[in-house]
C-alpha cells in the first residue's frame, strides 16, 4: 500500500488538531486577553495575571495614579520593558511592593496591567 502526500498531510493535520485539543488551546496558542487601548504596552508582559496581582498592590503606593498619565510616560519612544528595567536597576530606581523590591518600571507596567485584568 502506498501513502500519498495528501493522506500524509491530512493525517498530520488531524494529529496536530488532536494534540491541540488535548492540551487545550490556551496552552497551545498562549493566553488570550481582552483587548485594551494599552495593548502596545501590555504585550511586553509575558504573563499578565501575576503582574496584575503585583500591580494591584503597587497602585496603592502610587499617589495620584492615573492610567492615562502612566501610559503616556511608558510610551516614550525607544524604551521597552526590558531596557527600562535594566536602566532602573542600574540607576537604583527601585520600589517596595508587598515586601518585594522591584524596579520602578516593573511596578509601573504591573500597575497598568492591574487596571485591565
PDB file of N, CA and C in Angstrom:
ATOM      1  N   UNK A   1       0.847  -1.182   0.000  1.00  0.00           N
ATOM      2  CA  UNK A   1       0.000   0.000   0.000  1.00  0.00           C
ATOM      3  C   UNK A   1       0.887   1.238   0.000  1.00  0.00           C
ATOM      4  N   UNK A   2       0.517   2.181  -0.786  1.00  0.00           N
ATOM      5  CA  UNK A   2       1.288   3.404  -0.924  1.00  0.00           C
ATOM      6  C   UNK A   2       0.516   4.566  -0.321  1.00  0.00           C
ATOM      7  N   UNK A   3       1.205   5.406   0.457  1.00  0.00           N
ATOM      8  CA  UNK A   3       0.573   6.554   1.107  1.00  0.00           C
ATOM      9  C   UNK A   3       0.884   7.800   0.283  1.00  0.00           C
ATOM     10  N   UNK A   4      -0.158   8.508  -0.091  1.00  0.00           N
ATOM     11  CA  UNK A   4       0.040   9.723  -0.888  1.00  0.00           C
ATOM     12  C   UNK A   4       0.402  10.900   0.021  1.00  0.00           C
ATOM     13  N   UNK A   5       0.903  11.940  -0.579  1.00  0.00           N
ATOM     14  CA  UNK A   5       1.244  13.149   0.187  1.00  0.00           C
ATOM     15  C   UNK A   5       0.006  13.765   0.829  1.00  0.00           C
ATOM     16  N   UNK A   6      -1.098  13.714   0.110  1.00  0.00           N
ATOM     17  CA  UNK A   6      -2.351  14.274   0.634  1.00  0.00           C
ATOM     18  C   UNK A   6      -2.778  13.535   1.899  1.00  0.00           C
ATOM     19  N   UNK A   7      -2.732  12.220   1.858  1.00  0.00           N
ATOM     20  CA  UNK A   7      -3.107  11.424   3.032  1.00  0.00           C
ATOM     21  C   UNK A   7      -2.169  11.705   4.207  1.00  0.00           C
ATOM     22  N   UNK A   8      -0.889  11.813   3.908  1.00  0.00           N
ATOM     23  CA  UNK A   8       0.087  12.113   4.955  1.00  0.00           C
ATOM     24  C   UNK A   8      -0.166  13.499   5.562  1.00  0.00           C
ATOM     25  N   UNK A   9      -0.429  14.496   4.711  1.00  0.00           N
ATOM     26  CA  UNK A   9      -0.704  15.854   5.183  1.00  0.00           C
ATOM     27  C   UNK A   9      -1.975  15.919   6.018  1.00  0.00           C
ATOM     28  N   UNK A  10      -3.027  15.266   5.550  1.00  0.00           N
ATOM     29  CA  UNK A  10      -4.285  15.247   6.308  1.00  0.00           C
ATOM     30  C   UNK A  10      -4.120  14.521   7.643  1.00  0.00           C
ATOM     31  N   UNK A  11      -3.358  13.452   7.623  1.00  0.00           N
ATOM     32  CA  UNK A  11      -3.103  12.722   8.872  1.00  0.00           C
ATOM     33  C   UNK A  11      -2.321  13.568   9.865  1.00  0.00           C
ATOM     34  N   UNK A  12      -1.308  14.289   9.385  1.00  0.00           N
ATOM     35  CA  UNK A  12      -0.517  15.162  10.261  1.00  0.00           C
ATOM     36  C   UNK A  12      -1.379  16.293  10.813  1.00  0.00           C
ATOM     37  N   UNK A  13      -2.251  16.853   9.975  1.00  0.00           N
ATOM     38  CA  UNK A  13      -3.136  17.926  10.431  1.00  0.00           C
ATOM     39  C   UNK A  13      -4.113  17.411  11.485  1.00  0.00           C
ATOM     40  N   UNK A  14      -4.658  16.234  11.271  1.00  0.00           N
ATOM     41  CA  UNK A  14      -5.578  15.648  12.248  1.00  0.00           C
ATOM     42  C   UNK A  14      -4.866  15.379  13.564  1.00  0.00           C
ATOM     43  N   UNK A  15      -3.639  14.892  13.490  1.00  0.00           N
ATOM     44  CA  UNK A  15      -2.863  14.647  14.702  1.00  0.00           C
ATOM     45  C   UNK A  15      -2.583  15.953  15.446  1.00  0.00           C
ATOM     46  N   UNK A  16      -2.207  16.988  14.706  1.00  0.00           N
ATOM     47  CA  UNK A  16      -1.935  18.289  15.329  1.00  0.00           C
ATOM     48  C   UNK A  16      -3.185  18.844  16.009  1.00  0.00           C
ATOM     49  N   UNK A  17      -4.330  18.728  15.364  1.00  0.00           N
ATOM     50  CA  UNK A  17      -5.590  19.199  15.973  1.00  0.00           C
ATOM     51  C   UNK A  17      -5.940  18.386  17.215  1.00  0.00           C
ATOM     52  N   UNK A  18      -5.701  17.096  17.168  1.00  0.00           N
ATOM     53  CA  UNK A  18      -5.971  16.250  18.336  1.00  0.00           C
ATOM     54  C   UNK A  18      -5.086  16.640  19.514  1.00  0.00           C
ATOM     55  N   UNK A  19      -3.806  16.886  19.250  1.00  0.00           N
ATOM     56  CA  UNK A  19      -2.884  17.293  20.311  1.00  0.00           C
ATOM     57  C   UNK A  19      -3.284  18.657  20.861  1.00  0.00           C
ATOM     58  N   UNK A  20      -3.635  19.585  19.975  1.00  0.00           N
ATOM     59  CA  UNK A  20      -4.062  20.918  20.419  1.00  0.00           C
ATOM     60  C   UNK A  20      -5.302  20.817  21.291  1.00  0.00           C
ATOM     61  N   UNK A  21      -6.239  19.963  20.912  1.00  0.00           N
ATOM     62  CA  UNK A  21      -7.443  19.783  21.715  1.00  0.00           C
ATOM     63  C   UNK A  21      -7.155  19.149  23.061  1.00  0.00           C
ATOM     64  N   UNK A  22      -6.234  18.183  23.064  1.00  0.00           N
ATOM     65  CA  UNK A  22      -5.893  17.510  24.319  1.00  0.00           C
ATOM     66  C   UNK A  22      -5.162  18.451  25.273  1.00  0.00           C
ATOM     67  N   UNK A  23      -4.283  19.285  24.746  1.00  0.00           N
ATOM     68  CA  UNK A  23      -3.538  20.214  25.602  1.00  0.00           C
ATOM     69  C   UNK A  23      -4.376  21.426  25.994  1.00  0.00           C
ATOM     70  N   UNK A  24      -5.384  21.702  25.217  1.00  0.00           N
ATOM     71  CA  UNK A  24      -6.168  22.904  25.450  1.00  0.00           C
ATOM     72  C   UNK A  24      -5.581  24.029  24.611  1.00  0.00           C
ATOM     73  N   UNK A  25      -6.449  24.777  23.976  1.00  0.00           N
ATOM     74  CA  UNK A  25      -5.948  25.801  23.059  1.00  0.00           C
ATOM     75  C   UNK A  25      -5.209  26.915  23.782  1.00  0.00           C
ATOM     76  N   UNK A  26      -5.499  27.151  25.060  1.00  0.00           N
ATOM     77  CA  UNK A  26      -4.779  28.200  25.796  1.00  0.00           C
ATOM     78  C   UNK A  26      -3.311  27.833  25.977  1.00  0.00           C
ATOM     79  N   UNK A  27      -3.050  26.586  26.278  1.00  0.00           N
ATOM     80  CA  UNK A  27      -1.661  26.169  26.445  1.00  0.00           C
ATOM     81  C   UNK A  27      -0.964  26.055  25.102  1.00  0.00           C
ATOM     82  N   UNK A  28      -1.716  25.718  24.064  1.00  0.00           N
ATOM     83  CA  UNK A  28      -1.133  25.535  22.745  1.00  0.00           C
ATOM     84  C   UNK A  28      -0.846  26.874  22.054  1.00  0.00           C
ATOM     85  N   UNK A  29      -1.784  27.801  22.133  1.00  0.00           N
ATOM     86  CA  UNK A  29      -1.641  29.087  21.458  1.00  0.00           C
ATOM     87  C   UNK A  29      -1.256  30.221  22.391  1.00  0.00           C
ATOM     88  N   UNK A  30      -1.276  29.993  23.675  1.00  0.00           N
ATOM     89  CA  UNK A  30      -0.958  31.043  24.634  1.00  0.00           C
ATOM     90  C   UNK A  30      -2.233  31.678  25.167  1.00  0.00           C
ATOM     91  N   UNK A  31      -2.109  32.437  26.242  1.00  0.00           N
ATOM     92  CA  UNK A  31      -3.294  33.044  26.840  1.00  0.00           C
ATOM     93  C   UNK A  31      -3.873  34.157  25.964  1.00  0.00           C
ATOM     94  N   UNK A  32      -5.169  34.333  26.059  1.00  0.00           N
ATOM     95  CA  UNK A  32      -5.863  35.393  25.348  1.00  0.00           C
ATOM     96  C   UNK A  32      -6.327  36.418  26.361  1.00  0.00           C
ATOM     97  N   UNK A  33      -6.155  37.676  26.049  1.00  0.00           N
ATOM     98  CA  UNK A  33      -6.575  38.752  26.929  1.00  0.00           C
ATOM     99  C   UNK A  33      -7.569  39.641  26.193  1.00  0.00           C
ATOM    100  N   UNK A  34      -8.466  40.231  26.938  1.00  0.00           N
ATOM    101  CA  UNK A  34      -9.414  41.170  26.367  1.00  0.00           C
ATOM    102  C   UNK A  34      -8.640  42.363  25.813  1.00  0.00           C
ATOM    103  N   UNK A  35      -8.947  42.794  24.597  1.00  0.00           N
ATOM    104  CA  UNK A  35      -8.221  43.938  24.029  1.00  0.00           C
ATOM    105  C   UNK A  35      -8.416  45.203  24.866  1.00  0.00           C
ATOM    106  N   UNK A  36      -7.355  45.985  24.989  1.00  0.00           N
ATOM    107  CA  UNK A  36      -7.387  47.246  25.724  1.00  0.00           C
ATOM    108  C   UNK A  36      -6.732  48.328  24.868  1.00  0.00           C
ATOM    109  N   UNK A  37      -6.937  49.587  25.221  1.00  0.00           N
ATOM    110  CA  UNK A  37      -6.254  50.661  24.486  1.00  0.00           C
ATOM    111  C   UNK A  37      -4.749  50.695  24.768  1.00  0.00           C
ATOM    112  N   UNK A  38      -4.285  49.868  25.701  1.00  0.00           N
ATOM    113  CA  UNK A  38      -2.884  49.888  26.107  1.00  0.00           C
ATOM    114  C   UNK A  38      -2.151  48.600  25.741  1.00  0.00           C
ATOM    115  N   UNK A  39      -2.661  47.876  24.777  1.00  0.00           N
ATOM    116  CA  UNK A  39      -2.028  46.613  24.384  1.00  0.00           C
ATOM    117  C   UNK A  39      -0.624  46.812  23.826  1.00  0.00           C
ATOM    118  N   UNK A  40      -0.344  47.993  23.295  1.00  0.00           N
ATOM    119  CA  UNK A  40       1.008  48.243  22.802  1.00  0.00           C
ATOM    120  C   UNK A  40       2.021  48.190  23.941  1.00  0.00           C
ATOM    121  N   UNK A  41       1.588  48.461  25.163  1.00  0.00           N
ATOM    122  CA  UNK A  41       2.456  48.368  26.333  1.00  0.00           C
ATOM    123  C   UNK A  41       2.334  47.009  27.016  1.00  0.00           C
ATOM    124  N   UNK A  42       1.115  46.530  27.133  1.00  0.00           N
ATOM    125  CA  UNK A  42       0.860  45.299  27.882  1.00  0.00           C
ATOM    126  C   UNK A  42       1.386  44.048  27.177  1.00  0.00           C
ATOM    127  N   UNK A  43       1.601  44.114  25.860  1.00  0.00           N
ATOM    128  CA  UNK A  43       2.098  42.921  25.166  1.00  0.00           C
ATOM    129  C   UNK A  43       3.519  42.567  25.608  1.00  0.00           C
ATOM    130  N   UNK A  44       4.211  43.486  26.255  1.00  0.00           N
ATOM    131  CA  UNK A  44       5.578  43.232  26.712  1.00  0.00           C
ATOM    132  C   UNK A  44       5.619  42.363  27.969  1.00  0.00           C
ATOM    133  N   UNK A  45       4.488  42.225  28.628  1.00  0.00           N
ATOM    134  CA  UNK A  45       4.404  41.415  29.846  1.00  0.00           C
ATOM    135  C   UNK A  45       4.119  39.970  29.435  1.00  0.00           C
ATOM    136  N   UNK A  46       4.937  39.052  29.890  1.00  0.00           N
ATOM    137  CA  UNK A  46       4.797  37.651  29.498  1.00  0.00           C
ATOM    138  C   UNK A  46       3.502  37.055  30.043  1.00  0.00           C
ATOM    139  N   UNK A  47       3.221  37.244  31.314  1.00  0.00           N
ATOM    140  CA  UNK A  47       2.006  36.717  31.932  1.00  0.00           C
ATOM    141  C   UNK A  47       1.350  37.839  32.733  1.00  0.00           C
ATOM    142  N   UNK A  48       0.212  38.303  32.268  1.00  0.00           N
ATOM    143  CA  UNK A  48      -0.417  39.483  32.879  1.00  0.00           C
ATOM    144  C   UNK A  48      -1.043  39.208  34.241  1.00  0.00           C
ATOM    145  N   UNK A  49      -1.463  37.997  34.489  1.00  0.00           N
ATOM    146  CA  UNK A  49      -2.176  37.738  35.751  1.00  0.00           C
ATOM    147  C   UNK A  49      -1.301  37.993  36.981  1.00  0.00           C
ATOM    148  N   UNK A  50      -0.106  37.421  37.078  1.00  0.00           N
ATOM    149  CA  UNK A  50       0.729  37.738  38.239  1.00  0.00           C
ATOM    150  C   UNK A  50       1.150  39.206  38.255  1.00  0.00           C
ATOM    151  N   UNK A  51       1.358  39.780  37.069  1.00  0.00           N
ATOM    152  CA  UNK A  51       1.716  41.194  37.001  1.00  0.00           C
ATOM    153  C   UNK A  51       0.574  42.054  37.525  1.00  0.00           C
ATOM    154  N   UNK A  52      -0.653  41.678  37.207  1.00  0.00           N
ATOM    155  CA  UNK A  52      -1.808  42.432  37.686  1.00  0.00           C
ATOM    156  C   UNK A  52      -1.952  42.317  39.206  1.00  0.00           C
ATOM    157  N   UNK A  53      -1.643  41.152  39.742  1.00  0.00           N
ATOM    158  CA  UNK A  53      -1.703  41.000  41.201  1.00  0.00           C
ATOM    159  C   UNK A  53      -0.665  41.887  41.879  1.00  0.00           C
ATOM    160  N   UNK A  54       0.529  41.917  41.334  1.00  0.00           N
ATOM    161  CA  UNK A  54       1.566  42.803  41.867  1.00  0.00           C
ATOM    162  C   UNK A  54       1.159  44.264  41.689  1.00  0.00           C
ATOM    163  N   UNK A  55       0.609  44.580  40.542  1.00  0.00           N
ATOM    164  CA  UNK A  55       0.196  45.948  40.254  1.00  0.00           C
ATOM    165  C   UNK A  55      -0.928  46.446  41.136  1.00  0.00           C
ATOM    166  N   UNK A  56      -1.830  45.556  41.535  1.00  0.00           N
ATOM    167  CA  UNK A  56      -2.926  45.968  42.417  1.00  0.00           C
ATOM    168  C   UNK A  56      -2.384  46.497  43.738  1.00  0.00           C
ATOM    169  N   UNK A  57      -1.287  45.927  44.211  1.00  0.00           N
ATOM    170  CA  UNK A  57      -0.649  46.399  45.442  1.00  0.00           C
ATOM    171  C   UNK A  57       0.193  47.647  45.148  1.00  0.00           C
ATOM    172  N   UNK A  58       0.852  47.658  44.000  1.00  0.00           N
ATOM    173  CA  UNK A  58       1.712  48.792  43.647  1.00  0.00           C
ATOM    174  C   UNK A  58       0.914  50.077  43.483  1.00  0.00           C
ATOM    175  N   UNK A  59      -0.296  49.980  42.968  1.00  0.00           N
ATOM    176  CA  UNK A  59      -1.144  51.166  42.756  1.00  0.00           C
ATOM    177  C   UNK A  59      -1.394  51.886  44.072  1.00  0.00           C
ATOM    178  N   UNK A  60      -1.533  51.132  45.146  1.00  0.00           N
ATOM    179  CA  UNK A  60      -1.789  51.734  46.457  1.00  0.00           C
ATOM    180  C   UNK A  60      -0.625  52.592  46.932  1.00  0.00           C
ATOM    181  N   UNK A  61       0.575  52.287  46.444  1.00  0.00           N
ATOM    182  CA  UNK A  61       1.759  53.047  46.848  1.00  0.00           C
ATOM    183  C   UNK A  61       2.080  54.186  45.879  1.00  0.00           C
ATOM    184  N   UNK A  62       1.237  54.368  44.862  1.00  0.00           N
ATOM    185  CA  UNK A  62       1.465  55.415  43.867  1.00  0.00           C
ATOM    186  C   UNK A  62       0.436  56.528  44.060  1.00  0.00           C
ATOM    187  N   UNK A  63       0.828  57.613  44.716  1.00  0.00           N
ATOM    188  CA  UNK A  63      -0.122  58.706  44.922  1.00  0.00           C
ATOM    189  C   UNK A  63      -0.490  59.369  43.590  1.00  0.00           C
ATOM    190  N   UNK A  64      -1.757  59.668  43.422  1.00  0.00           N
ATOM    191  CA  UNK A  64      -2.223  60.328  42.205  1.00  0.00           C
ATOM    192  C   UNK A  64      -2.117  59.464  40.960  1.00  0.00           C
ATOM    193  N   UNK A  65      -2.301  58.167  41.113  1.00  0.00           N
ATOM    194  CA  UNK A  65      -2.185  57.237  39.988  1.00  0.00           C
ATOM    195  C   UNK A  65      -3.285  57.509  38.969  1.00  0.00           C
ATOM    196  N   UNK A  66      -2.890  57.694  37.716  1.00  0.00           N
ATOM    197  CA  UNK A  66      -3.827  57.824  36.596  1.00  0.00           C
ATOM    198  C   UNK A  66      -3.303  56.994  35.441  1.00  0.00           C
ATOM    199  N   UNK A  67      -4.166  56.176  34.879  1.00  0.00           N
ATOM    200  CA  UNK A  67      -3.760  55.259  33.815  1.00  0.00           C
ATOM    201  C   UNK A  67      -3.233  56.031  32.609  1.00  0.00           C
ATOM    202  N   UNK A  68      -3.916  57.093  32.207  1.00  0.00           N
ATOM    203  CA  UNK A  68      -3.507  57.814  31.006  1.00  0.00           C
ATOM    204  C   UNK A  68      -2.134  58.473  31.172  1.00  0.00           C
ATOM    205  N   UNK A  69      -1.869  59.026  32.343  1.00  0.00           N
ATOM    206  CA  UNK A  69      -0.556  59.643  32.579  1.00  0.00           C
ATOM    207  C   UNK A  69       0.547  58.590  32.599  1.00  0.00           C
ATOM    208  N   UNK A  70       0.262  57.459  33.231  1.00  0.00           N
ATOM    209  CA  UNK A  70       1.255  56.382  33.281  1.00  0.00           C
ATOM    210  C   UNK A  70       1.529  55.841  31.876  1.00  0.00           C
ATOM    211  N   UNK A  71       0.477  55.656  31.088  1.00  0.00           N
ATOM    212  CA  UNK A  71       0.661  55.154  29.725  1.00  0.00           C
ATOM    213  C   UNK A  71       1.470  56.140  28.889  1.00  0.00           C
ATOM    214  N   UNK A  72       1.214  57.418  29.044  1.00  0.00           N
ATOM    215  CA  UNK A  72       1.988  58.420  28.297  1.00  0.00           C
ATOM    216  C   UNK A  72       3.464  58.363  28.688  1.00  0.00           C
ATOM    217  N   UNK A  73       3.723  58.159  29.968  1.00  0.00           N
ATOM    218  CA  UNK A  73       5.119  58.035  30.439  1.00  0.00           C
ATOM    219  C   UNK A  73       5.789  56.797  29.852  1.00  0.00           C
ATOM    220  N   UNK A  74       5.057  55.673  29.812  1.00  0.00           N
ATOM    221  CA  UNK A  74       5.630  54.420  29.327  1.00  0.00           C
ATOM    222  C   UNK A  74       5.748  54.368  27.809  1.00  0.00           C
ATOM    223  N   UNK A  75       5.003  55.221  27.111  1.00  0.00           N
ATOM    224  CA  UNK A  75       5.044  55.223  25.643  1.00  0.00           C
ATOM    225  C   UNK A  75       6.165  56.086  25.068  1.00  0.00           C
ATOM    226  N   UNK A  76       7.035  56.576  25.888  1.00  0.00           N
ATOM    227  CA  UNK A  76       8.162  57.344  25.354  1.00  0.00           C
ATOM    228  C   UNK A  76       8.949  56.450  24.412  1.00  0.00           C
ATOM    229  N   UNK A  77       9.330  56.964  23.261  1.00  0.00           N
ATOM    230  CA  UNK A  77       9.947  56.107  22.239  1.00  0.00           C
ATOM    231  C   UNK A  77      11.313  55.563  22.646  1.00  0.00           C
ATOM    232  N   UNK A  78      11.583  54.366  22.135  1.00  0.00           N
ATOM    233  CA  UNK A  78      12.900  53.772  22.303  1.00  0.00           C
ATOM    234  C   UNK A  78      13.126  53.001  23.584  1.00  0.00           C
ATOM    235  N   UNK A  79      12.106  52.842  24.395  1.00  0.00           N
ATOM    236  CA  UNK A  79      12.307  52.153  25.659  1.00  0.00           C
ATOM    237  C   UNK A  79      11.247  51.075  25.843  1.00  0.00           C
ATOM    238  N   UNK A  80      11.695  49.829  25.814  1.00  0.00           N
ATOM    239  CA  UNK A  80      10.819  48.711  26.106  1.00  0.00           C
ATOM    240  C   UNK A  80      10.955  48.335  27.568  1.00  0.00           C
ATOM    241  N   UNK A  81      10.129  47.410  28.010  1.00  0.00           N
ATOM    242  CA  UNK A  81      10.137  46.992  29.411  1.00  0.00           C
ATOM    243  C   UNK A  81      11.498  46.452  29.837  1.00  0.00           C
ATOM    244  N   UNK A  82      12.113  45.617  29.025  1.00  0.00           N
ATOM    245  CA  UNK A  82      13.387  45.016  29.438  1.00  0.00           C
ATOM    246  C   UNK A  82      14.487  46.073  29.572  1.00  0.00           C
ATOM    247  N   UNK A  83      14.518  47.014  28.643  1.00  0.00           N
ATOM    248  CA  UNK A  83      15.547  48.056  28.744  1.00  0.00           C
ATOM    249  C   UNK A  83      15.277  48.985  29.923  1.00  0.00           C
ATOM    250  N   UNK A  84      14.021  49.348  30.119  1.00  0.00           N
ATOM    251  CA  UNK A  84      13.673  50.210  31.267  1.00  0.00           C
ATOM    252  C   UNK A  84      14.056  49.528  32.578  1.00  0.00           C
ATOM    253  N   UNK A  85      13.812  48.239  32.661  1.00  0.00           N
ATOM    254  CA  UNK A  85      14.128  47.503  33.879  1.00  0.00           C
ATOM    255  C   UNK A  85      15.621  47.519  34.155  1.00  0.00           C
ATOM    256  N   UNK A  86      16.415  47.244  33.131  1.00  0.00           N
ATOM    257  CA  UNK A  86      17.871  47.290  33.305  1.00  0.00           C
ATOM    258  C   UNK A  86      18.338  48.681  33.724  1.00  0.00           C
ATOM    259  N   UNK A  87      17.783  49.713  33.087  1.00  0.00           N
ATOM    260  CA  UNK A  87      18.170  51.087  33.421  1.00  0.00           C
ATOM    261  C   UNK A  87      17.753  51.453  34.852  1.00  0.00           C
ATOM    262  N   UNK A  88      16.575  50.995  35.265  1.00  0.00           N
ATOM    263  CA  UNK A  88      16.115  51.281  36.635  1.00  0.00           C
ATOM    264  C   UNK A  88      17.014  50.616  37.668  1.00  0.00           C
ATOM    265  N   UNK A  89      17.400  49.396  37.426  1.00  0.00           N
ATOM    266  CA  UNK A  89      18.276  48.692  38.364  1.00  0.00           C
ATOM    267  C   UNK A  89      19.629  49.399  38.437  1.00  0.00           C
ATOM    268  N   UNK A  90      20.173  49.772  37.284  1.00  0.00           N
ATOM    269  CA  UNK A  90      21.471  50.449  37.248  1.00  0.00           C
ATOM    270  C   UNK A  90      21.428  51.804  37.955  1.00  0.00           C
ATOM    271  N   UNK A  91      20.287  52.500  37.852  1.00  0.00           N
ATOM    272  CA  UNK A  91      20.158  53.828  38.459  1.00  0.00           C
ATOM    273  C   UNK A  91      19.637  53.772  39.896  1.00  0.00           C
ATOM    274  N   UNK A  92      19.258  52.585  40.359  1.00  0.00           N
ATOM    275  CA  UNK A  92      18.765  52.452  41.729  1.00  0.00           C
ATOM    276  C   UNK A  92      17.320  52.886  41.909  1.00  0.00           C
ATOM    277  N   UNK A  93      16.551  52.959  40.809  1.00  0.00           N
ATOM    278  CA  UNK A  93      15.123  53.319  40.899  1.00  0.00           C
ATOM    279  C   UNK A  93      14.335  52.061  41.232  1.00  0.00           C
ATOM    280  N   UNK A  94      14.178  51.814  42.511  1.00  0.00           N
ATOM    281  CA  UNK A  94      13.502  50.614  42.982  1.00  0.00           C
ATOM    282  C   UNK A  94      12.291  51.012  43.813  1.00  0.00           C
ATOM    283  N   UNK A  95      11.383  50.064  44.005  1.00  0.00           N
ATOM    284  CA  UNK A  95      10.157  50.316  44.771  1.00  0.00           C
ATOM    285  C   UNK A  95       9.820  49.050  45.549  1.00  0.00           C
ATOM    286  N   UNK A  96       9.345  49.231  46.759  1.00  0.00           N
ATOM    287  CA  UNK A  96       8.908  48.075  47.543  1.00  0.00           C
ATOM    288  C   UNK A  96       7.422  47.855  47.309  1.00  0.00           C
ATOM    289  N   UNK A  97       7.084  46.646  46.908  1.00  0.00           N
ATOM    290  CA  UNK A  97       5.691  46.286  46.653  1.00  0.00           C
ATOM    291  C   UNK A  97       5.426  44.965  47.346  1.00  0.00           C
ATOM    292  N   UNK A  98       4.600  44.998  48.370  1.00  0.00           N
ATOM    293  CA  UNK A  98       4.214  43.791  49.110  1.00  0.00           C
ATOM    294  C   UNK A  98       5.433  43.008  49.592  1.00  0.00           C
ATOM    295  N   UNK A  99       6.446  43.706  50.052  1.00  0.00           N
ATOM    296  CA  UNK A  99       7.636  43.060  50.569  1.00  0.00           C
ATOM    297  C   UNK A  99       8.672  42.716  49.513  1.00  0.00           C
ATOM    298  N   UNK A 100       8.364  42.942  48.249  1.00  0.00           N
ATOM    299  CA  UNK A 100       9.293  42.682  47.152  1.00  0.00           C
ATOM    300  C   UNK A 100       9.935  43.997  46.738  1.00  0.00           C
ATOM    301  N   UNK A 101      11.215  43.962  46.444  1.00  0.00           N
ATOM    302  CA  UNK A 101      11.909  45.120  45.901  1.00  0.00           C
ATOM    303  C   UNK A 101      11.971  44.921  44.384  1.00  0.00           C
ATOM    304  N   UNK A 102      11.274  45.785  43.655  1.00  0.00           N
ATOM    305  CA  UNK A 102      11.199  45.653  42.197  1.00  0.00           C
ATOM    306  C   UNK A 102      11.610  46.965  41.537  1.00  0.00           C
ATOM    307  N   UNK A 103      12.106  46.904  40.313  1.00  0.00           N
ATOM    308  CA  UNK A 103      12.405  48.129  39.584  1.00  0.00           C
ATOM    309  C   UNK A 103      11.131  48.953  39.371  1.00  0.00           C
ATOM    310  N   UNK A 104      11.273  50.257  39.320  1.00  0.00           N
ATOM    311  CA  UNK A 104      10.120  51.146  39.167  1.00  0.00           C
ATOM    312  C   UNK A 104       9.325  50.814  37.903  1.00  0.00           C
ATOM    313  N   UNK A 105      10.017  50.478  36.826  1.00  0.00           N
ATOM    314  CA  UNK A 105       9.327  50.165  35.570  1.00  0.00           C
ATOM    315  C   UNK A 105       8.460  48.910  35.704  1.00  0.00           C
ATOM    316  N   UNK A 106       8.918  47.925  36.446  1.00  0.00           N
ATOM    317  CA  UNK A 106       8.117  46.713  36.664  1.00  0.00           C
ATOM    318  C   UNK A 106       6.854  47.063  37.441  1.00  0.00           C
ATOM    319  N   UNK A 107       6.999  47.917  38.447  1.00  0.00           N
ATOM    320  CA  UNK A 107       5.834  48.358  39.216  1.00  0.00           C
ATOM    321  C   UNK A 107       4.877  49.137  38.324  1.00  0.00           C
ATOM    322  N   UNK A 108       5.404  49.974  37.428  1.00  0.00           N
ATOM    323  CA  UNK A 108       4.556  50.770  36.534  1.00  0.00           C
ATOM    324  C   UNK A 108       3.777  49.887  35.569  1.00  0.00           C
ATOM    325  N   UNK A 109       4.471  48.974  34.902  1.00  0.00           N
ATOM    326  CA  UNK A 109       3.791  48.078  33.953  1.00  0.00           C
ATOM    327  C   UNK A 109       2.786  47.183  34.691  1.00  0.00           C
ATOM    328  N   UNK A 110       3.139  46.743  35.884  1.00  0.00           N
ATOM    329  CA  UNK A 110       2.225  45.909  36.665  1.00  0.00           C
ATOM    330  C   UNK A 110       0.987  46.685  37.072  1.00  0.00           C
ATOM    331  N   UNK A 111       1.190  47.949  37.459  1.00  0.00           N
ATOM    332  CA  UNK A 111       0.048  48.794  37.822  1.00  0.00           C
ATOM    333  C   UNK A 111      -0.885  48.975  36.631  1.00  0.00           C
ATOM    334  N   UNK A 112      -0.310  49.148  35.461  1.00  0.00           N
ATOM    335  CA  UNK A 112      -1.122  49.277  34.257  1.00  0.00           C
ATOM    336  C   UNK A 112      -1.890  47.978  33.985  1.00  0.00           C
ATOM    337  N   UNK A 113      -1.223  46.842  34.134  1.00  0.00           N
ATOM    338  CA  UNK A 113      -1.879  45.543  33.914  1.00  0.00           C
ATOM    339  C   UNK A 113      -3.008  45.310  34.913  1.00  0.00           C
ATOM    340  N   UNK A 114      -2.867  45.814  36.126  1.00  0.00           N
ATOM    341  CA  UNK A 114      -3.892  45.591  37.155  1.00  0.00           C
ATOM    342  C   UNK A 114      -5.208  46.291  36.825  1.00  0.00           C
ATOM    343  N   UNK A 115      -5.157  47.276  35.975  1.00  0.00           N
ATOM    344  CA  UNK A 115      -6.368  48.008  35.621  1.00  0.00           C
ATOM    345  C   UNK A 115      -7.227  47.283  34.595  1.00  0.00           C
ATOM    346  N   UNK A 116      -6.677  46.244  33.974  1.00  0.00           N
ATOM    347  CA  UNK A 116      -7.380  45.556  32.898  1.00  0.00           C
ATOM    348  C   UNK A 116      -7.452  44.055  33.087  1.00  0.00           C
ATOM    349  N   UNK A 117      -7.224  43.557  34.266  1.00  0.00           N
ATOM    350  CA  UNK A 117      -7.285  42.113  34.488  1.00  0.00           C
ATOM    351  C   UNK A 117      -8.686  41.705  34.862  1.00  0.00           C
TER     352      UNK A 117
END
